[in-house]
Each structure stands twice: as C-alpha cells, then as structure tokens.
Amino acid sequence: MVTKEGSIGKIFIDRAFAPLLIILVGVSAYGLGRLNNIRSNAEPVTINTPSEVGPATAGPTSTSTKEGKVVASKNGSKYHLSTCPGAGQIKEENKIWFESAAAAVAAGYTSAANCPGLK
C-alpha cells in the first residue's frame, strides 16, 4: 500500500499527542504543587485594623475625649462601640464620645442594631 506524502507525520502526531498531553499535564501539576508548598512555608500576612493600631490622631475631637468606649454622631440617633464598623463611618467632626452605653442612653441615643457586642 502506498501512503500519501505527509500522512506519516499525521499518524505520528495522532499517536503521540495523547501521551505527550498526559505527560505535560502531570509535569505542570507537579510544578504547581511545588510552588504551592513554597508559598505555604512563607510567613502569614497579618492585617492591622484601626482598632488594633490605636485611635486615629487626625481630625478634630468633639465635646468629649477620645478615651470613651461608645461613640455617636451629632446628626444621628444610634451609638456604637469604638470597635464597631459603624463607628468608623462617622466623620471625626461629628463624633460624640461617651464613657459607657448608659451615658449614651442618658443622652438620648439608642444602640446600633448592626454593632456586635451591643445586643
């Protein structure tokens, strides 16, 4: 039987493609596994939130000192713990600090429903 020109190359590619593909995938997976192992031995990344760093020093303070544990807005009706995400959304010039939740309630504020620890 006479073969056409170029068909020997096609037969070789057809028969060799699958084994070469399997070897390539295996080598790639091994390399990615080694790369992951190198990264897992690295020191973990830590993120310091403003509550861990300390109180912000920028901006003017309101009528009370920043040593208070509860903060409210001059324009709002809710109070937050100083570590609460809602406390960070209040502009510095609008913050009113209280020493306790009872002091904030006495001033007419109610607790924020989304602040953990105030339930």
PDB file of N, CA and C in Angstrom:
ATOM      1  N   MET A   1       0.826  -1.160   0.000  1.00  0.00           N
ATOM      2  CA  MET A   1       0.000   0.000   0.000  1.00  0.00           C
ATOM      3  C   MET A   1       0.883   1.241   0.000  1.00  0.00           C
ATOM      4  N   VAL A   2       0.551   2.195  -0.804  1.00  0.00           N
ATOM      5  CA  VAL A   2       1.325   3.409  -0.944  1.00  0.00           C
ATOM      6  C   VAL A   2       0.653   4.499  -0.100  1.00  0.00           C
ATOM      7  N   THR A   3       1.480   5.151   0.723  1.00  0.00           N
ATOM      8  CA  THR A   3       0.930   6.218   1.567  1.00  0.00           C
ATOM      9  C   THR A   3       1.148   7.557   0.892  1.00  0.00           C
ATOM     10  N   LYS A   4       0.266   8.463   1.161  1.00  0.00           N
ATOM     11  CA  LYS A   4       0.405   9.805   0.620  1.00  0.00           C
ATOM     12  C   LYS A   4       1.477  10.549   1.382  1.00  0.00           C
ATOM     13  N   GLU A   5       2.055  11.508   0.721  1.00  0.00           N
ATOM     14  CA  GLU A   5       3.089  12.312   1.344  1.00  0.00           C
ATOM     15  C   GLU A   5       2.510  13.100   2.513  1.00  0.00           C
ATOM     16  N   GLY A   6       3.162  13.091   3.665  1.00  0.00           N
ATOM     17  CA  GLY A   6       2.710  13.822   4.829  1.00  0.00           C
ATOM     18  C   GLY A   6       1.824  12.996   5.747  1.00  0.00           C
ATOM     19  N   SER A   7       1.355  11.864   5.338  1.00  0.00           N
ATOM     20  CA  SER A   7       0.474  11.089   6.195  1.00  0.00           C
ATOM     21  C   SER A   7       1.247  10.394   7.319  1.00  0.00           C
ATOM     22  N   ILE A   8       2.534  10.132   7.129  1.00  0.00           N
ATOM     23  CA  ILE A   8       3.342   9.529   8.195  1.00  0.00           C
ATOM     24  C   ILE A   8       3.459  10.510   9.360  1.00  0.00           C
ATOM     25  N   GLY A   9       3.654  11.764   9.062  1.00  0.00           N
ATOM     26  CA  GLY A   9       3.707  12.779  10.112  1.00  0.00           C
ATOM     27  C   GLY A   9       2.381  12.890  10.838  1.00  0.00           C
ATOM     28  N   LYS A  10       1.272  12.805  10.118  1.00  0.00           N
ATOM     29  CA  LYS A  10      -0.052  12.880  10.738  1.00  0.00           C
ATOM     30  C   LYS A  10      -0.278  11.691  11.651  1.00  0.00           C
ATOM     31  N   ILE A  11       0.125  10.528  11.242  1.00  0.00           N
ATOM     32  CA  ILE A  11      -0.025   9.332  12.075  1.00  0.00           C
ATOM     33  C   ILE A  11       0.803   9.483  13.343  1.00  0.00           C
ATOM     34  N   PHE A  12       2.024   9.980  13.222  1.00  0.00           N
ATOM     35  CA  PHE A  12       2.877  10.172  14.401  1.00  0.00           C
ATOM     36  C   PHE A  12       2.237  11.156  15.382  1.00  0.00           C
ATOM     37  N   ILE A  13       1.713  12.272  14.860  1.00  0.00           N
ATOM     38  CA  ILE A  13       1.087  13.271  15.731  1.00  0.00           C
ATOM     39  C   ILE A  13      -0.152  12.689  16.392  1.00  0.00           C
ATOM     40  N   ASP A  14      -0.967  11.950  15.636  1.00  0.00           N
ATOM     41  CA  ASP A  14      -2.181  11.366  16.204  1.00  0.00           C
ATOM     42  C   ASP A  14      -1.852  10.372  17.318  1.00  0.00           C
ATOM     43  N   ARG A  15      -0.818   9.574  17.157  1.00  0.00           N
ATOM     44  CA  ARG A  15      -0.466   8.559  18.156  1.00  0.00           C
ATOM     45  C   ARG A  15       0.319   9.138  19.331  1.00  0.00           C
ATOM     46  N   ALA A  16       1.044  10.215  19.126  1.00  0.00           N
ATOM     47  CA  ALA A  16       1.896  10.763  20.178  1.00  0.00           C
ATOM     48  C   ALA A  16       1.238  11.894  20.952  1.00  0.00           C
ATOM     49  N   PHE A  17       0.144  12.426  20.453  1.00  0.00           N
ATOM     50  CA  PHE A  17      -0.458  13.594  21.089  1.00  0.00           C
ATOM     51  C   PHE A  17      -0.988  13.280  22.488  1.00  0.00           C
ATOM     52  N   ALA A  18      -1.749  12.242  22.627  1.00  0.00           N
ATOM     53  CA  ALA A  18      -2.351  11.916  23.934  1.00  0.00           C
ATOM     54  C   ALA A  18      -1.279  11.631  24.995  1.00  0.00           C
ATOM     55  N   PRO A  19      -0.282  10.783  24.726  1.00  0.00           N
ATOM     56  CA  PRO A  19       0.748  10.560  25.761  1.00  0.00           C
ATOM     57  C   PRO A  19       1.530  11.834  26.108  1.00  0.00           C
ATOM     58  N   LEU A  20       1.827  12.677  25.114  1.00  0.00           N
ATOM     59  CA  LEU A  20       2.538  13.922  25.392  1.00  0.00           C
ATOM     60  C   LEU A  20       1.666  14.873  26.218  1.00  0.00           C
ATOM     61  N   LEU A  21       0.395  14.912  25.936  1.00  0.00           N
ATOM     62  CA  LEU A  21      -0.518  15.754  26.693  1.00  0.00           C
ATOM     63  C   LEU A  21      -0.604  15.290  28.145  1.00  0.00           C
ATOM     64  N   ILE A  22      -0.674  14.005  28.370  1.00  0.00           N
ATOM     65  CA  ILE A  22      -0.731  13.467  29.734  1.00  0.00           C
ATOM     66  C   ILE A  22       0.557  13.798  30.491  1.00  0.00           C
ATOM     67  N   ILE A  23       1.692  13.661  29.858  1.00  0.00           N
ATOM     68  CA  ILE A  23       2.972  13.981  30.497  1.00  0.00           C
ATOM     69  C   ILE A  23       3.046  15.473  30.813  1.00  0.00           C
ATOM     70  N   LEU A  24       2.613  16.317  29.896  1.00  0.00           N
ATOM     71  CA  LEU A  24       2.634  17.758  30.107  1.00  0.00           C
ATOM     72  C   LEU A  24       1.738  18.161  31.283  1.00  0.00           C
ATOM     73  N   VAL A  25       0.561  17.586  31.376  1.00  0.00           N
ATOM     74  CA  VAL A  25      -0.344  17.892  32.485  1.00  0.00           C
ATOM     75  C   VAL A  25       0.263  17.425  33.807  1.00  0.00           C
ATOM     76  N   GLY A  26       0.858  16.253  33.819  1.00  0.00           N
ATOM     77  CA  GLY A  26       1.481  15.744  35.040  1.00  0.00           C
ATOM     78  C   GLY A  26       2.633  16.607  35.522  1.00  0.00           C
ATOM     79  N   VAL A  27       3.488  17.027  34.606  1.00  0.00           N
ATOM     80  CA  VAL A  27       4.613  17.880  34.969  1.00  0.00           C
ATOM     81  C   VAL A  27       4.112  19.238  35.462  1.00  0.00           C
ATOM     82  N   SER A  28       3.092  19.775  34.824  1.00  0.00           N
ATOM     83  CA  SER A  28       2.532  21.060  35.266  1.00  0.00           C
ATOM     84  C   SER A  28       1.944  20.952  36.663  1.00  0.00           C
ATOM     85  N   ALA A  29       1.207  19.878  36.938  1.00  0.00           N
ATOM     86  CA  ALA A  29       0.614  19.689  38.263  1.00  0.00           C
ATOM     87  C   ALA A  29       1.699  19.537  39.321  1.00  0.00           C
ATOM     88  N   TYR A  30       2.752  18.828  39.005  1.00  0.00           N
ATOM     89  CA  TYR A  30       3.862  18.674  39.952  1.00  0.00           C
ATOM     90  C   TYR A  30       4.495  20.032  40.248  1.00  0.00           C
ATOM     91  N   GLY A  31       4.728  20.825  39.205  1.00  0.00           N
ATOM     92  CA  GLY A  31       5.333  22.142  39.396  1.00  0.00           C
ATOM     93  C   GLY A  31       4.441  23.063  40.215  1.00  0.00           C
ATOM     94  N   LEU A  32       3.130  23.048  39.972  1.00  0.00           N
ATOM     95  CA  LEU A  32       2.216  23.869  40.751  1.00  0.00           C
ATOM     96  C   LEU A  32       2.165  23.415  42.205  1.00  0.00           C
ATOM     97  N   GLY A  33       2.248  22.123  42.427  1.00  0.00           N
ATOM     98  CA  GLY A  33       2.291  21.615  43.798  1.00  0.00           C
ATOM     99  C   GLY A  33       3.539  22.080  44.530  1.00  0.00           C
ATOM    100  N   ARG A  34       4.657  22.067  43.865  1.00  0.00           N
ATOM    101  CA  ARG A  34       5.899  22.542  44.474  1.00  0.00           C
ATOM    102  C   ARG A  34       5.817  24.039  44.761  1.00  0.00           C
ATOM    103  N   LEU A  35       5.250  24.796  43.847  1.00  0.00           N
ATOM    104  CA  LEU A  35       5.102  26.231  44.040  1.00  0.00           C
ATOM    105  C   LEU A  35       4.187  26.515  45.234  1.00  0.00           C
ATOM    106  N   ASN A  36       3.112  25.769  45.362  1.00  0.00           N
ATOM    107  CA  ASN A  36       2.198  25.941  46.489  1.00  0.00           C
ATOM    108  C   ASN A  36       2.895  25.615  47.802  1.00  0.00           C
ATOM    109  N   ASN A  37       3.740  24.613  47.823  1.00  0.00           N
ATOM    110  CA  ASN A  37       4.470  24.242  49.036  1.00  0.00           C
ATOM    111  C   ASN A  37       5.441  25.344  49.441  1.00  0.00           C
ATOM    112  N   ILE A  38       6.066  25.984  48.480  1.00  0.00           N
ATOM    113  CA  ILE A  38       6.988  27.083  48.779  1.00  0.00           C
ATOM    114  C   ILE A  38       6.225  28.235  49.395  1.00  0.00           C
ATOM    115  N   ARG A  39       5.060  28.560  48.843  1.00  0.00           N
ATOM    116  CA  ARG A  39       4.262  29.670  49.356  1.00  0.00           C
ATOM    117  C   ARG A  39       3.666  29.362  50.722  1.00  0.00           C
ATOM    118  N   SER A  40       3.317  28.115  50.996  1.00  0.00           N
ATOM    119  CA  SER A  40       2.703  27.784  52.283  1.00  0.00           C
ATOM    120  C   SER A  40       3.712  27.862  53.426  1.00  0.00           C
ATOM    121  N   ASN A  41       5.004  27.787  53.124  1.00  0.00           N
ATOM    122  CA  ASN A  41       6.022  27.912  54.159  1.00  0.00           C
ATOM    123  C   ASN A  41       6.339  29.371  54.485  1.00  0.00           C
ATOM    124  N   ALA A  42       5.772  30.290  53.719  1.00  0.00           N
ATOM    125  CA  ALA A  42       6.027  31.708  53.949  1.00  0.00           C
ATOM    126  C   ALA A  42       5.284  32.172  55.196  1.00  0.00           C
ATOM    127  N   GLU A  43       5.725  33.286  55.737  1.00  0.00           N
ATOM    128  CA  GLU A  43       5.092  33.853  56.925  1.00  0.00           C
ATOM    129  C   GLU A  43       3.702  34.369  56.564  1.00  0.00           C
ATOM    130  N   PRO A  44       2.682  34.088  57.392  1.00  0.00           N
ATOM    131  CA  PRO A  44       1.335  34.543  57.046  1.00  0.00           C
ATOM    132  C   PRO A  44       1.220  36.065  57.077  1.00  0.00           C
ATOM    133  N   VAL A  45       0.332  36.574  56.257  1.00  0.00           N
ATOM    134  CA  VAL A  45       0.096  38.007  56.179  1.00  0.00           C
ATOM    135  C   VAL A  45      -0.877  38.403  57.279  1.00  0.00           C
ATOM    136  N   THR A  46      -0.558  39.455  58.024  1.00  0.00           N
ATOM    137  CA  THR A  46      -1.465  39.952  59.042  1.00  0.00           C
ATOM    138  C   THR A  46      -1.885  41.370  58.673  1.00  0.00           C
ATOM    139  N   ILE A  47      -3.139  41.665  58.927  1.00  0.00           N
ATOM    140  CA  ILE A  47      -3.681  42.981  58.619  1.00  0.00           C
ATOM    141  C   ILE A  47      -4.081  43.633  59.926  1.00  0.00           C
ATOM    142  N   ASN A  48      -3.543  44.798  60.188  1.00  0.00           N
ATOM    143  CA  ASN A  48      -3.871  45.537  61.403  1.00  0.00           C
ATOM    144  C   ASN A  48      -5.011  46.486  61.103  1.00  0.00           C
ATOM    145  N   THR A  49      -6.111  46.304  61.825  1.00  0.00           N
ATOM    146  CA  THR A  49      -7.242  47.207  61.664  1.00  0.00           C
ATOM    147  C   THR A  49      -7.015  48.427  62.546  1.00  0.00           C
ATOM    148  N   PRO A  50      -7.712  49.513  62.295  1.00  0.00           N
ATOM    149  CA  PRO A  50      -7.513  50.720  63.101  1.00  0.00           C
ATOM    150  C   PRO A  50      -7.723  50.483  64.598  1.00  0.00           C
ATOM    151  N   SER A  51      -8.600  49.565  64.980  1.00  0.00           N
ATOM    152  CA  SER A  51      -8.821  49.316  66.397  1.00  0.00           C
ATOM    153  C   SER A  51      -7.612  48.638  67.040  1.00  0.00           C
ATOM    154  N   GLU A  52      -6.829  47.868  66.258  1.00  0.00           N
ATOM    155  CA  GLU A  52      -5.634  47.223  66.793  1.00  0.00           C
ATOM    156  C   GLU A  52      -4.451  48.181  66.837  1.00  0.00           C
ATOM    157  N   VAL A  53      -4.434  49.152  65.940  1.00  0.00           N
ATOM    158  CA  VAL A  53      -3.325  50.094  65.868  1.00  0.00           C
ATOM    159  C   VAL A  53      -3.462  51.152  66.949  1.00  0.00           C
ATOM    160  N   GLY A  54      -4.668  51.584  67.215  1.00  0.00           N
ATOM    161  CA  GLY A  54      -4.920  52.618  68.201  1.00  0.00           C
ATOM    162  C   GLY A  54      -5.820  53.672  67.612  1.00  0.00           C
ATOM    163  N   PRO A  55      -6.222  54.624  68.388  1.00  0.00           N
ATOM    164  CA  PRO A  55      -7.130  55.635  67.873  1.00  0.00           C
ATOM    165  C   PRO A  55      -6.453  56.523  66.843  1.00  0.00           C
ATOM    166  N   ALA A  56      -7.242  57.003  65.911  1.00  0.00           N
ATOM    167  CA  ALA A  56      -6.717  57.898  64.874  1.00  0.00           C
ATOM    168  C   ALA A  56      -6.349  59.231  65.498  1.00  0.00           C
ATOM    169  N   THR A  57      -5.289  59.809  64.994  1.00  0.00           N
ATOM    170  CA  THR A  57      -4.850  61.084  65.549  1.00  0.00           C
ATOM    171  C   THR A  57      -5.258  62.258  64.688  1.00  0.00           C
ATOM    172  N   ALA A  58      -5.711  62.001  63.469  1.00  0.00           N
ATOM    173  CA  ALA A  58      -6.071  63.095  62.575  1.00  0.00           C
ATOM    174  C   ALA A  58      -7.486  63.558  62.859  1.00  0.00           C
ATOM    175  N   GLY A  59      -7.735  64.815  62.634  1.00  0.00           N
ATOM    176  CA  GLY A  59      -9.080  65.356  62.748  1.00  0.00           C
ATOM    177  C   GLY A  59      -9.367  65.922  64.116  1.00  0.00           C
ATOM    178  N   PRO A  60     -10.271  66.864  64.190  1.00  0.00           N
ATOM    179  CA  PRO A  60     -10.617  67.478  65.467  1.00  0.00           C
ATOM    180  C   PRO A  60     -11.473  66.547  66.309  1.00  0.00           C
ATOM    181  N   THR A  61     -11.440  66.721  67.609  1.00  0.00           N
ATOM    182  CA  THR A  61     -12.259  65.928  68.504  1.00  0.00           C
ATOM    183  C   THR A  61     -13.522  66.691  68.838  1.00  0.00           C
ATOM    184  N   SER A  62     -14.525  65.980  69.321  1.00  0.00           N
ATOM    185  CA  SER A  62     -15.783  66.627  69.654  1.00  0.00           C
ATOM    186  C   SER A  62     -15.787  67.028  71.124  1.00  0.00           C
ATOM    187  N   THR A  63     -16.990  67.185  71.700  1.00  0.00           N
ATOM    188  CA  THR A  63     -17.109  67.744  73.047  1.00  0.00           C
ATOM    189  C   THR A  63     -16.486  66.864  74.126  1.00  0.00           C
ATOM    190  N   SER A  64     -16.386  65.576  73.890  1.00  0.00           N
ATOM    191  CA  SER A  64     -15.839  64.680  74.908  1.00  0.00           C
ATOM    192  C   SER A  64     -14.471  64.170  74.458  1.00  0.00           C
ATOM    193  N   THR A  65     -13.776  63.453  75.331  1.00  0.00           N
ATOM    194  CA  THR A  65     -12.446  62.947  74.997  1.00  0.00           C
ATOM    195  C   THR A  65     -12.552  61.663  74.197  1.00  0.00           C
ATOM    196  N   LYS A  66     -11.479  61.291  73.505  1.00  0.00           N
ATOM    197  CA  LYS A  66     -11.463  60.087  72.692  1.00  0.00           C
ATOM    198  C   LYS A  66     -11.239  58.823  73.514  1.00  0.00           C
ATOM    199  N   GLU A  67     -11.098  58.937  74.821  1.00  0.00           N
ATOM    200  CA  GLU A  67     -10.920  57.755  75.643  1.00  0.00           C
ATOM    201  C   GLU A  67     -12.236  57.023  75.867  1.00  0.00           C
ATOM    202  N   GLY A  68     -13.344  57.587  75.417  1.00  0.00           N
ATOM    203  CA  GLY A  68     -14.650  56.963  75.593  1.00  0.00           C
ATOM    204  C   GLY A  68     -14.729  55.632  74.869  1.00  0.00           C
ATOM    205  N   LYS A  69     -15.634  54.807  75.328  1.00  0.00           N
ATOM    206  CA  LYS A  69     -15.776  53.493  74.747  1.00  0.00           C
ATOM    207  C   LYS A  69     -16.939  53.430  73.769  1.00  0.00           C
ATOM    208  N   VAL A  70     -17.836  54.414  73.811  1.00  0.00           N
ATOM    209  CA  VAL A  70     -19.022  54.446  72.966  1.00  0.00           C
ATOM    210  C   VAL A  70     -19.019  55.761  72.192  1.00  0.00           C
ATOM    211  N   VAL A  71     -19.363  55.673  70.900  1.00  0.00           N
ATOM    212  CA  VAL A  71     -19.358  56.856  70.059  1.00  0.00           C
ATOM    213  C   VAL A  71     -20.702  56.983  69.349  1.00  0.00           C
ATOM    214  N   ALA A  72     -21.132  58.204  69.162  1.00  0.00           N
ATOM    215  CA  ALA A  72     -22.360  58.504  68.429  1.00  0.00           C
ATOM    216  C   ALA A  72     -22.105  59.700  67.525  1.00  0.00           C
ATOM    217  N   SER A  73     -23.015  59.915  66.623  1.00  0.00           N
ATOM    218  CA  SER A  73     -22.911  61.061  65.727  1.00  0.00           C
ATOM    219  C   SER A  73     -23.806  62.179  66.227  1.00  0.00           C
ATOM    220  N   LYS A  74     -23.354  63.407  66.055  1.00  0.00           N
ATOM    221  CA  LYS A  74     -24.170  64.572  66.413  1.00  0.00           C
ATOM    222  C   LYS A  74     -25.474  64.568  65.619  1.00  0.00           C
ATOM    223  N   ASN A  75     -25.406  64.048  64.391  1.00  0.00           N
ATOM    224  CA  ASN A  75     -26.552  64.080  63.484  1.00  0.00           C
ATOM    225  C   ASN A  75     -27.411  62.822  63.549  1.00  0.00           C
ATOM    226  N   GLY A  76     -26.999  61.805  64.309  1.00  0.00           N
ATOM    227  CA  GLY A  76     -27.719  60.542  64.330  1.00  0.00           C
ATOM    228  C   GLY A  76     -28.413  60.277  65.645  1.00  0.00           C
ATOM    229  N   SER A  77     -28.984  59.081  65.754  1.00  0.00           N
ATOM    230  CA  SER A  77     -29.686  58.694  66.978  1.00  0.00           C
ATOM    231  C   SER A  77     -29.166  57.389  67.551  1.00  0.00           C
ATOM    232  N   LYS A  78     -28.146  56.782  66.923  1.00  0.00           N
ATOM    233  CA  LYS A  78     -27.600  55.493  67.352  1.00  0.00           C
ATOM    234  C   LYS A  78     -26.191  55.681  67.894  1.00  0.00           C
ATOM    235  N   TYR A  79     -25.819  54.823  68.863  1.00  0.00           N
ATOM    236  CA  TYR A  79     -24.447  54.814  69.362  1.00  0.00           C
ATOM    237  C   TYR A  79     -23.790  53.483  69.023  1.00  0.00           C
ATOM    238  N   HIS A  80     -22.483  53.488  68.906  1.00  0.00           N
ATOM    239  CA  HIS A  80     -21.688  52.326  68.509  1.00  0.00           C
ATOM    240  C   HIS A  80     -20.537  52.142  69.492  1.00  0.00           C
ATOM    241  N   LEU A  81     -20.050  50.896  69.594  1.00  0.00           N
ATOM    242  CA  LEU A  81     -18.776  50.679  70.284  1.00  0.00           C
ATOM    243  C   LEU A  81     -17.676  51.270  69.414  1.00  0.00           C
ATOM    244  N   SER A  82     -16.577  51.660  70.008  1.00  0.00           N
ATOM    245  CA  SER A  82     -15.497  52.266  69.219  1.00  0.00           C
ATOM    246  C   SER A  82     -14.880  51.276  68.239  1.00  0.00           C
ATOM    247  N   THR A  83     -15.064  49.962  68.472  1.00  0.00           N
ATOM    248  CA  THR A  83     -14.519  48.933  67.585  1.00  0.00           C
ATOM    249  C   THR A  83     -15.502  48.519  66.504  1.00  0.00           C
ATOM    250  N   CYS A  84     -16.678  49.092  66.511  1.00  0.00           N
ATOM    251  CA  CYS A  84     -17.739  48.740  65.570  1.00  0.00           C
ATOM    252  C   CYS A  84     -17.474  49.362  64.196  1.00  0.00           C
ATOM    253  N   PRO A  85     -17.789  48.656  63.098  1.00  0.00           N
ATOM    254  CA  PRO A  85     -17.592  49.241  61.770  1.00  0.00           C
ATOM    255  C   PRO A  85     -18.380  50.536  61.570  1.00  0.00           C
ATOM    256  N   GLY A  86     -19.547  50.637  62.180  1.00  0.00           N
ATOM    257  CA  GLY A  86     -20.351  51.848  62.045  1.00  0.00           C
ATOM    258  C   GLY A  86     -19.678  53.065  62.649  1.00  0.00           C
ATOM    259  N   ALA A  87     -18.868  52.857  63.677  1.00  0.00           N
ATOM    260  CA  ALA A  87     -18.156  53.982  64.303  1.00  0.00           C
ATOM    261  C   ALA A  87     -17.145  54.590  63.347  1.00  0.00           C
ATOM    262  N   GLY A  88     -16.582  53.777  62.482  1.00  0.00           N
ATOM    263  CA  GLY A  88     -15.614  54.279  61.510  1.00  0.00           C
ATOM    264  C   GLY A  88     -16.246  55.098  60.402  1.00  0.00           C
ATOM    265  N   GLN A  89     -17.560  54.978  60.224  1.00  0.00           N
ATOM    266  CA  GLN A  89     -18.238  55.705  59.168  1.00  0.00           C
ATOM    267  C   GLN A  89     -18.655  57.116  59.602  1.00  0.00           C
ATOM    268  N   ILE A  90     -18.534  57.408  60.886  1.00  0.00           N
ATOM    269  CA  ILE A  90     -18.903  58.726  61.388  1.00  0.00           C
ATOM    270  C   ILE A  90     -17.721  59.667  61.170  1.00  0.00           C
ATOM    271  N   LYS A  91     -17.981  60.836  60.618  1.00  0.00           N
ATOM    272  CA  LYS A  91     -16.914  61.816  60.420  1.00  0.00           C
ATOM    273  C   LYS A  91     -16.384  62.263  61.776  1.00  0.00           C
ATOM    274  N   GLU A  92     -15.095  62.523  61.838  1.00  0.00           N
ATOM    275  CA  GLU A  92     -14.447  62.918  63.093  1.00  0.00           C
ATOM    276  C   GLU A  92     -15.088  64.154  63.722  1.00  0.00           C
ATOM    277  N   GLU A  93     -15.454  65.117  62.895  1.00  0.00           N
ATOM    278  CA  GLU A  93     -16.030  66.347  63.450  1.00  0.00           C
ATOM    279  C   GLU A  93     -17.444  66.137  63.994  1.00  0.00           C
ATOM    280  N   ASN A  94     -18.085  65.007  63.651  1.00  0.00           N
ATOM    281  CA  ASN A  94     -19.439  64.724  64.130  1.00  0.00           C
ATOM    282  C   ASN A  94     -19.474  63.733  65.290  1.00  0.00           C
ATOM    283  N   LYS A  95     -18.320  63.211  65.705  1.00  0.00           N
ATOM    284  CA  LYS A  95     -18.292  62.191  66.756  1.00  0.00           C
ATOM    285  C   LYS A  95     -18.500  62.796  68.134  1.00  0.00           C
ATOM    286  N   ILE A  96     -19.314  62.106  68.929  1.00  0.00           N
ATOM    287  CA  ILE A  96     -19.510  62.432  70.344  1.00  0.00           C
ATOM    288  C   ILE A  96     -19.145  61.167  71.116  1.00  0.00           C
ATOM    289  N   TRP A  97     -18.225  61.262  72.054  1.00  0.00           N
ATOM    290  CA  TRP A  97     -17.734  60.110  72.803  1.00  0.00           C
ATOM    291  C   TRP A  97     -18.393  60.050  74.174  1.00  0.00           C
ATOM    292  N   PHE A  98     -18.730  58.829  74.593  1.00  0.00           N
ATOM    293  CA  PHE A  98     -19.304  58.565  75.906  1.00  0.00           C
ATOM    294  C   PHE A  98     -18.475  57.487  76.599  1.00  0.00           C
ATOM    295  N   GLU A  99     -18.417  57.545  77.918  1.00  0.00           N
ATOM    296  CA  GLU A  99     -17.650  56.566  78.686  1.00  0.00           C
ATOM    297  C   GLU A  99     -18.346  55.208  78.754  1.00  0.00           C
ATOM    298  N   SER A 100     -19.685  55.191  78.609  1.00  0.00           N
ATOM    299  CA  SER A 100     -20.418  53.929  78.703  1.00  0.00           C
ATOM    300  C   SER A 100     -21.676  54.011  77.854  1.00  0.00           C
ATOM    301  N   ALA A 101     -22.287  52.850  77.650  1.00  0.00           N
ATOM    302  CA  ALA A 101     -23.545  52.802  76.911  1.00  0.00           C
ATOM    303  C   ALA A 101     -24.643  53.505  77.697  1.00  0.00           C
ATOM    304  N   ALA A 102     -24.583  53.411  79.022  1.00  0.00           N
ATOM    305  CA  ALA A 102     -25.589  54.069  79.861  1.00  0.00           C
ATOM    306  C   ALA A 102     -25.533  55.587  79.674  1.00  0.00           C
ATOM    307  N   ALA A 103     -24.347  56.140  79.534  1.00  0.00           N
ATOM    308  CA  ALA A 103     -24.212  57.576  79.320  1.00  0.00           C
ATOM    309  C   ALA A 103     -24.789  57.978  77.972  1.00  0.00           C
ATOM    310  N   ALA A 104     -24.613  57.132  76.948  1.00  0.00           N
ATOM    311  CA  ALA A 104     -25.173  57.422  75.627  1.00  0.00           C
ATOM    312  C   ALA A 104     -26.696  57.344  75.658  1.00  0.00           C
ATOM    313  N   VAL A 105     -27.240  56.361  76.388  1.00  0.00           N
ATOM    314  CA  VAL A 105     -28.690  56.226  76.518  1.00  0.00           C
ATOM    315  C   VAL A 105     -29.251  57.436  77.257  1.00  0.00           C
ATOM    316  N   ALA A 106     -28.541  57.877  78.297  1.00  0.00           N
ATOM    317  CA  ALA A 106     -28.985  59.041  79.062  1.00  0.00           C
ATOM    318  C   ALA A 106     -29.006  60.299  78.188  1.00  0.00           C
ATOM    319  N   ALA A 107     -28.154  60.347  77.161  1.00  0.00           N
ATOM    320  CA  ALA A 107     -28.114  61.492  76.262  1.00  0.00           C
ATOM    321  C   ALA A 107     -29.150  61.378  75.141  1.00  0.00           C
ATOM    322  N   GLY A 108     -29.920  60.276  75.128  1.00  0.00           N
ATOM    323  CA  GLY A 108     -30.978  60.123  74.140  1.00  0.00           C
ATOM    324  C   GLY A 108     -30.641  59.233  72.961  1.00  0.00           C
ATOM    325  N   TYR A 109     -29.524  58.549  72.973  1.00  0.00           N
ATOM    326  CA  TYR A 109     -29.145  57.671  71.872  1.00  0.00           C
ATOM    327  C   TYR A 109     -29.595  56.240  72.151  1.00  0.00           C
ATOM    328  N   THR A 110     -29.825  55.461  71.080  1.00  0.00           N
ATOM    329  CA  THR A 110     -30.141  54.041  71.193  1.00  0.00           C
ATOM    330  C   THR A 110     -29.026  53.245  70.543  1.00  0.00           C
ATOM    331  N   SER A 111     -28.917  51.954  70.911  1.00  0.00           N
ATOM    332  CA  SER A 111     -27.815  51.135  70.396  1.00  0.00           C
ATOM    333  C   SER A 111     -28.025  50.784  68.923  1.00  0.00           C
ATOM    334  N   ALA A 112     -26.936  50.690  68.212  1.00  0.00           N
ATOM    335  CA  ALA A 112     -26.983  50.312  66.790  1.00  0.00           C
ATOM    336  C   ALA A 112     -27.226  48.822  66.694  1.00  0.00           C
ATOM    337  N   ALA A 113     -28.146  48.421  65.849  1.00  0.00           N
ATOM    338  CA  ALA A 113     -28.510  47.008  65.736  1.00  0.00           C
ATOM    339  C   ALA A 113     -27.424  46.173  65.052  1.00  0.00           C
ATOM    340  N   ASN A 114     -26.607  46.778  64.220  1.00  0.00           N
ATOM    341  CA  ASN A 114     -25.603  46.030  63.478  1.00  0.00           C
ATOM    342  C   ASN A 114     -24.233  46.004  64.163  1.00  0.00           C
ATOM    343  N   CYS A 115     -24.145  46.476  65.388  1.00  0.00           N
ATOM    344  CA  CYS A 115     -22.868  46.537  66.093  1.00  0.00           C
ATOM    345  C   CYS A 115     -22.733  45.331  67.018  1.00  0.00           C
ATOM    346  N   PRO A 116     -21.801  44.414  66.740  1.00  0.00           N
ATOM    347  CA  PRO A 116     -21.629  43.246  67.602  1.00  0.00           C
ATOM    348  C   PRO A 116     -21.203  43.670  69.012  1.00  0.00           C
ATOM    349  N   GLY A 117     -21.839  43.083  70.003  1.00  0.00           N
ATOM    350  CA  GLY A 117     -21.484  43.388  71.375  1.00  0.00           C
ATOM    351  C   GLY A 117     -22.457  44.341  72.045  1.00  0.00           C
ATOM    352  N   LEU A 118     -23.396  44.903  71.309  1.00  0.00           N
ATOM    353  CA  LEU A 118     -24.353  45.834  71.893  1.00  0.00           C
ATOM    354  C   LEU A 118     -25.736  45.216  72.080  1.00  0.00           C
ATOM    355  N   LYS A 119     -25.904  43.981  71.793  1.00  0.00           N
ATOM    356  CA  LYS A 119     -27.226  43.333  71.862  1.00  0.00           C
ATOM    357  C   LYS A 119     -27.721  43.236  73.284  1.00  0.00           C
TER     358      LYS A 119
END
